[in-house]
Amino acid sequence: MHMKRIKSIFPMPALLALLALQSGCAIVMDRVTGKIAGNLSSAILNQEDPETVRDGAPAYLLLMDSMIEGNPESASALSSAANLYAAYGAVFVEDPERAKRLTRRAHEYGLRAMCVVHEPACGWSEMDFASFDADLETLTSDELPELYSFTVSSLAYTRANSDDWGVLAELPKVESALNRLYQLDSDYQSGAIHLYMGILNTIRPPSLGGKPEVGREHFEKAIELSAGKDLSVKVEFARSYARLVYDRELHDSLLKDVIESDPVQPGLTLFNTLAQRQAERLLETADDYF
């Protein structure tokens, strides 16, 4: 949502995947593919050097593409690929056109993962909002991982295509999917849903329909659920809420706490390291903003 060295996780899982593919056992292949994808995700998220991820992640993305080619019905592999493509395209790619391509693939993988576990989702792209929203209500906690991947990849795709009105027209669907995630399990992924809800409620000022105080509650809940270990939540809290309401004291307090914290946390190290860099930049520009 860390990449040690490719050699440390690559040879044996890749060999097992090849043997499973040759055996023709779909069940075993799904398990192996999902395990490799999960290992890759963990390796990336636990990397302390973002430049290593930026330079090395494309090889992992291609590997995941190949695994999906061999087992296109693996919901776990599709979900993991959607998450990684979304993160890479949104965080590490500076070229706007390339970011659009990568997040488009993330979005496609996220939709395919949903299609595997929930057949009506195969037609979500063509559904009108009312039909889409009604279908979301039929989902259960069994589809949580796939719905989460679909929503996150859709958010990344929408962000990368903010200049495309056709893509932006689908934003209500993304918001509805996020709300459904919240209804099914608001504490899923250690507060990640609260983080997105916080951003969603502070993306606009109150005069345009924003709900900053609701957003603040979500940011605070996300911090609580992650035990304060997810530093990106505090950065977004400062950027999305504190700057919106011009609360300089809260803004600087959150960012200084991020900078002084230990970024090394299982599953969070990469984004914590990036959060510390963002916190430094936000503090540097605070005098100009407030």
Protein backbone atom coordinates (compact mmCIF):
# COMPACT_ATOMS: atom_id res chain seq x y z
CA MET A 1 0.00 0.00 0.00
CA HIS A 2 9.67 -2.82 0.98
CA MET A 3 11.69 -3.73 -1.77
CA LYS A 4 14.68 -5.37 -0.21
CA ARG A 5 16.77 -6.89 -3.01
CA ILE A 6 15.22 -8.72 -5.91
CA LYS A 7 17.64 -11.61 -5.45
CA SER A 8 16.48 -12.22 -1.89
CA ILE A 9 12.91 -13.11 -2.87
CA PHE A 10 13.05 -13.81 -6.57
CA PRO A 11 14.59 -17.18 -7.43
CA MET A 12 12.59 -19.62 -5.31
CA PRO A 13 9.13 -18.04 -5.65
CA ALA A 14 9.65 -17.66 -9.39
CA LEU A 15 10.63 -21.31 -9.68
CA LEU A 16 7.62 -22.41 -7.66
CA ALA A 17 5.37 -20.33 -9.89
CA LEU A 18 6.83 -21.96 -12.99
CA LEU A 19 6.35 -25.45 -11.58
CA ALA A 20 2.77 -24.66 -10.58
CA LEU A 21 2.03 -23.31 -14.04
CA GLN A 22 3.40 -26.43 -15.68
CA SER A 23 1.32 -28.61 -13.40
CA GLY A 24 -1.84 -26.95 -14.62
CA CYS A 25 -3.17 -26.66 -11.08
CA ALA A 26 -5.13 -23.43 -10.99
CA ILE A 27 -5.63 -23.51 -7.22
CA VAL A 28 -1.93 -23.87 -6.47
CA MET A 29 -1.07 -21.25 -9.07
CA ASP A 30 -3.44 -18.76 -7.51
CA ARG A 31 -1.86 -19.30 -4.10
CA VAL A 32 1.68 -19.00 -5.40
CA THR A 33 0.93 -15.98 -7.57
CA GLY A 34 -0.79 -14.26 -4.70
CA LYS A 35 2.12 -15.03 -2.37
CA ILE A 36 4.69 -13.66 -4.80
CA ALA A 37 2.61 -10.53 -5.33
CA GLY A 38 2.23 -10.10 -1.59
CA ASN A 39 5.97 -10.53 -1.05
CA LEU A 40 6.72 -7.95 -3.71
CA SER A 41 4.33 -5.49 -2.12
CA SER A 42 5.89 -6.02 1.31
CA ALA A 43 9.43 -5.68 -0.06
CA ILE A 44 8.60 -2.35 -1.64
CA LEU A 45 6.75 -0.97 1.38
CA ASN A 46 9.64 -1.86 3.70
CA GLN A 47 12.34 -0.12 1.63
CA GLU A 48 14.10 2.79 3.33
CA ASP A 49 15.51 4.31 0.13
CA PRO A 50 12.78 5.70 -2.17
CA GLU A 51 15.26 6.02 -5.04
CA THR A 52 15.78 2.26 -5.00
CA VAL A 53 12.04 1.79 -5.36
CA ARG A 54 11.79 4.41 -8.09
CA ASP A 55 14.59 2.80 -10.11
CA GLY A 56 13.78 -0.83 -9.41
CA ALA A 57 10.00 -0.96 -9.23
CA PRO A 58 9.44 -1.15 -13.02
CA ALA A 59 11.05 -4.60 -13.03
CA TYR A 60 8.63 -5.72 -10.32
CA LEU A 61 5.68 -4.30 -12.21
CA LEU A 62 6.70 -6.23 -15.31
CA LEU A 63 7.04 -9.40 -13.23
CA MET A 64 3.55 -8.92 -11.88
CA ASP A 65 2.27 -8.37 -15.41
CA SER A 66 3.79 -11.71 -16.38
CA MET A 67 2.22 -13.48 -13.40
CA ILE A 68 -1.17 -12.12 -14.33
CA GLU A 69 -0.66 -13.21 -17.93
CA GLY A 70 -0.13 -16.74 -16.61
CA ASN A 71 -3.05 -16.62 -14.18
CA PRO A 72 -5.48 -13.86 -15.22
CA GLU A 73 -8.15 -14.95 -12.73
CA SER A 74 -6.04 -14.42 -9.62
CA ALA A 75 -7.89 -11.72 -7.69
CA SER A 76 -5.03 -11.40 -5.19
CA ALA A 77 -2.42 -10.82 -7.91
CA LEU A 78 -4.67 -8.36 -9.73
CA SER A 79 -5.29 -6.44 -6.51
CA SER A 80 -1.60 -6.31 -5.62
CA ALA A 81 -0.71 -5.16 -9.13
CA ALA A 82 -3.40 -2.47 -8.96
CA ASN A 83 -2.02 -1.20 -5.64
CA LEU A 84 1.60 -1.13 -6.84
CA TYR A 85 0.87 0.49 -10.19
CA ALA A 86 -1.25 3.11 -8.44
CA ALA A 87 1.43 3.88 -5.85
CA TYR A 88 4.25 3.99 -8.38
CA GLY A 89 2.33 6.10 -10.87
CA ALA A 90 1.12 8.54 -8.23
CA VAL A 91 4.28 8.87 -6.15
CA PHE A 92 7.34 8.29 -8.32
CA VAL A 93 6.43 9.32 -11.85
CA GLU A 94 6.86 12.99 -12.70
CA ASP A 95 5.94 12.85 -16.39
CA PRO A 96 2.15 13.49 -16.54
CA GLU A 97 1.53 11.33 -19.60
CA ARG A 98 3.43 8.38 -18.14
CA ALA A 99 1.57 8.76 -14.86
CA LYS A 100 -1.69 8.58 -16.81
CA ARG A 101 -0.64 5.35 -18.52
CA LEU A 102 0.52 3.66 -15.33
CA THR A 103 -2.49 4.64 -13.26
CA ARG A 104 -4.76 3.59 -16.11
CA ARG A 105 -3.28 0.11 -15.86
CA ALA A 106 -3.73 0.24 -12.09
CA HIS A 107 -7.38 1.13 -12.59
CA GLU A 108 -7.85 -1.68 -15.12
CA TYR A 109 -6.28 -4.23 -12.79
CA GLY A 110 -8.43 -3.00 -9.90
CA LEU A 111 -11.58 -3.39 -11.98
CA ARG A 112 -10.52 -6.84 -13.16
CA ALA A 113 -9.91 -7.94 -9.56
CA MET A 114 -13.46 -6.86 -8.68
CA CYS A 115 -14.80 -8.63 -11.76
CA VAL A 116 -13.21 -11.91 -10.60
CA VAL A 117 -14.94 -11.86 -7.21
CA HIS A 118 -18.15 -10.02 -8.16
CA GLU A 119 -19.43 -10.69 -11.67
CA PRO A 120 -21.63 -7.53 -11.97
CA ALA A 121 -18.46 -5.45 -11.53
CA CYS A 122 -17.44 -6.50 -15.03
CA GLY A 123 -19.97 -3.94 -16.24
CA TRP A 124 -19.25 -1.15 -13.76
CA SER A 125 -17.64 1.09 -16.37
CA GLU A 126 -20.84 1.14 -18.41
CA MET A 127 -23.24 1.48 -15.48
CA ASP A 128 -24.90 4.78 -14.67
CA PHE A 129 -24.28 6.10 -11.18
CA ALA A 130 -27.58 4.92 -9.69
CA SER A 131 -27.03 1.34 -10.88
CA PHE A 132 -23.41 1.38 -9.74
CA ASP A 133 -24.33 2.72 -6.32
CA ALA A 134 -27.06 0.11 -5.91
CA ASP A 135 -24.69 -2.69 -6.87
CA LEU A 136 -22.14 -1.54 -4.29
CA GLU A 137 -24.76 -2.20 -1.63
CA THR A 138 -24.70 -5.91 -2.52
CA LEU A 139 -21.01 -6.23 -1.66
CA THR A 140 -19.96 -7.84 1.60
CA SER A 141 -16.77 -7.94 3.64
CA ASP A 142 -15.68 -10.90 1.50
CA GLU A 143 -14.92 -8.46 -1.33
CA LEU A 144 -13.12 -5.89 0.85
CA PRO A 145 -9.56 -6.43 -0.51
CA GLU A 146 -10.68 -6.14 -4.11
CA LEU A 147 -12.95 -3.17 -3.46
CA TYR A 148 -10.11 -1.43 -1.65
CA SER A 149 -7.72 -1.98 -4.58
CA PHE A 150 -10.36 -0.81 -7.04
CA THR A 151 -11.00 2.35 -5.04
CA VAL A 152 -7.35 3.24 -4.44
CA SER A 153 -6.39 2.63 -8.08
CA SER A 154 -9.39 4.66 -9.21
CA LEU A 155 -8.35 7.55 -6.98
CA ALA A 156 -4.83 7.48 -8.41
CA TYR A 157 -6.18 7.33 -11.97
CA THR A 158 -8.54 10.24 -11.33
CA ARG A 159 -5.76 12.31 -9.79
CA ALA A 160 -3.44 11.68 -12.75
CA ASN A 161 -6.22 12.65 -15.16
CA SER A 162 -7.49 15.73 -13.36
CA ASP A 163 -7.45 17.57 -16.69
CA ASP A 164 -9.82 15.07 -18.31
CA TRP A 165 -13.48 15.89 -17.72
CA GLY A 166 -14.48 12.42 -18.89
CA VAL A 167 -12.46 10.85 -16.08
CA LEU A 168 -13.55 13.43 -13.52
CA ALA A 169 -17.16 12.64 -14.36
CA GLU A 170 -16.54 9.22 -12.77
CA LEU A 171 -15.43 10.74 -9.45
CA PRO A 172 -18.88 10.29 -7.84
CA LYS A 173 -18.50 6.54 -8.40
CA VAL A 174 -15.10 6.58 -6.70
CA GLU A 175 -16.52 8.51 -3.76
CA SER A 176 -19.40 6.05 -3.51
CA ALA A 177 -16.98 3.10 -3.52
CA LEU A 178 -14.99 4.76 -0.74
CA ASN A 179 -18.15 5.28 1.28
CA ARG A 180 -19.05 1.62 0.82
CA LEU A 181 -15.61 0.62 2.07
CA TYR A 182 -16.20 2.77 5.11
CA GLN A 183 -19.58 1.12 5.73
CA LEU A 184 -18.16 -2.39 5.44
CA ASP A 185 -15.12 -1.85 7.68
CA SER A 186 -14.08 1.68 8.57
CA ASP A 187 -10.96 0.37 10.34
CA TYR A 188 -9.70 -1.64 7.34
CA GLN A 189 -5.98 -1.32 6.51
CA SER A 190 -5.16 0.31 9.85
CA GLY A 191 -6.92 3.56 9.17
CA ALA A 192 -6.27 3.99 5.45
CA ILE A 193 -9.98 4.43 4.74
CA HIS A 194 -10.18 7.19 7.35
CA LEU A 195 -7.21 8.87 5.66
CA TYR A 196 -9.00 8.91 2.31
CA MET A 197 -12.22 10.06 3.94
CA GLY A 198 -10.30 12.87 5.58
CA ILE A 199 -8.89 14.00 2.25
CA LEU A 200 -12.28 13.69 0.59
CA ASN A 201 -13.93 15.95 3.18
CA THR A 202 -11.20 18.60 3.04
CA ILE A 203 -10.59 18.71 -0.70
CA ARG A 204 -13.01 21.67 -0.95
CA PRO A 205 -13.52 24.69 1.34
CA PRO A 206 -16.77 24.84 3.34
CA SER A 207 -18.23 27.39 0.92
CA LEU A 208 -18.05 24.78 -1.83
CA GLY A 209 -19.38 21.87 0.19
CA GLY A 210 -16.28 20.80 2.07
CA LYS A 211 -16.57 19.47 5.62
CA PRO A 212 -13.22 20.21 7.27
CA GLU A 213 -14.26 19.26 10.79
CA VAL A 214 -15.55 15.90 9.57
CA GLY A 215 -12.24 15.53 7.77
CA ARG A 216 -10.36 16.30 10.98
CA GLU A 217 -12.22 13.55 12.81
CA HIS A 218 -11.20 11.07 10.12
CA PHE A 219 -7.55 12.15 10.21
CA GLU A 220 -7.48 11.80 14.00
CA LYS A 221 -9.07 8.36 13.78
CA ALA A 222 -6.53 7.28 11.16
CA ILE A 223 -3.71 8.36 13.47
CA GLU A 224 -5.30 6.41 16.32
CA LEU A 225 -5.76 3.23 14.27
CA SER A 226 -2.17 3.30 13.01
CA ALA A 227 -0.91 4.07 16.54
CA GLY A 228 0.73 7.14 15.05
CA LYS A 229 3.11 5.00 13.00
CA ASP A 230 1.77 6.01 9.58
CA LEU A 231 3.46 9.39 9.16
CA SER A 232 1.74 10.10 5.85
CA VAL A 233 -1.53 10.58 7.76
CA LYS A 234 -0.05 13.46 9.78
CA VAL A 235 1.35 15.06 6.64
CA GLU A 236 -2.05 14.92 4.95
CA PHE A 237 -3.69 16.18 8.13
CA ALA A 238 -1.40 19.22 8.02
CA ARG A 239 -1.67 19.76 4.28
CA SER A 240 -5.36 19.06 3.77
CA TYR A 241 -6.89 20.29 7.02
CA ALA A 242 -4.52 22.64 8.87
CA ARG A 243 -3.75 24.66 5.76
CA LEU A 244 -7.41 24.74 4.74
CA VAL A 245 -8.48 26.30 8.07
CA TYR A 246 -5.24 28.27 8.52
CA ASP A 247 -4.24 26.55 11.77
CA ARG A 248 -0.49 27.26 11.80
CA GLU A 249 0.08 25.82 15.27
CA LEU A 250 -1.47 22.45 14.39
CA HIS A 251 0.25 22.47 10.98
CA ASP A 252 3.76 22.94 12.39
CA SER A 253 3.19 20.60 15.33
CA LEU A 254 2.13 17.72 13.07
CA LEU A 255 5.01 18.21 10.64
CA LYS A 256 7.68 18.52 13.34
CA ASP A 257 6.37 15.31 14.89
CA VAL A 258 6.71 13.57 11.53
CA ILE A 259 10.29 14.74 11.08
CA GLU A 260 11.28 13.64 14.58
CA SER A 261 9.66 10.18 14.32
CA ASP A 262 11.36 6.91 13.39
CA PRO A 263 10.26 6.15 9.81
CA VAL A 264 11.12 2.44 9.99
CA GLN A 265 7.87 0.59 10.60
CA PRO A 266 6.73 -2.72 9.05
CA GLY A 267 4.75 -2.03 5.90
CA LEU A 268 5.13 1.74 6.27
CA THR A 269 8.83 2.53 5.92
CA LEU A 270 8.79 3.66 2.29
CA PHE A 271 5.88 6.06 2.63
CA ASN A 272 7.09 7.25 6.05
CA THR A 273 10.41 8.21 4.48
CA LEU A 274 8.60 10.07 1.74
CA ALA A 275 6.32 11.69 4.34
CA GLN A 276 9.33 13.09 6.18
CA ARG A 277 10.61 14.69 2.99
CA GLN A 278 7.18 16.19 2.31
CA ALA A 279 6.97 17.46 5.90
CA GLU A 280 10.27 19.30 5.49
CA ARG A 281 9.06 20.97 2.28
CA LEU A 282 5.75 21.98 3.84
CA LEU A 283 7.50 23.55 6.83
CA GLU A 284 9.87 25.42 4.53
CA THR A 285 6.91 27.01 2.72
CA ALA A 286 4.77 27.63 5.81
CA ASP A 287 5.75 31.29 6.17
CA ASP A 288 4.63 31.94 2.60
CA TYR A 289 1.33 30.13 3.10
CA PHE A 290 0.15 31.42 6.49
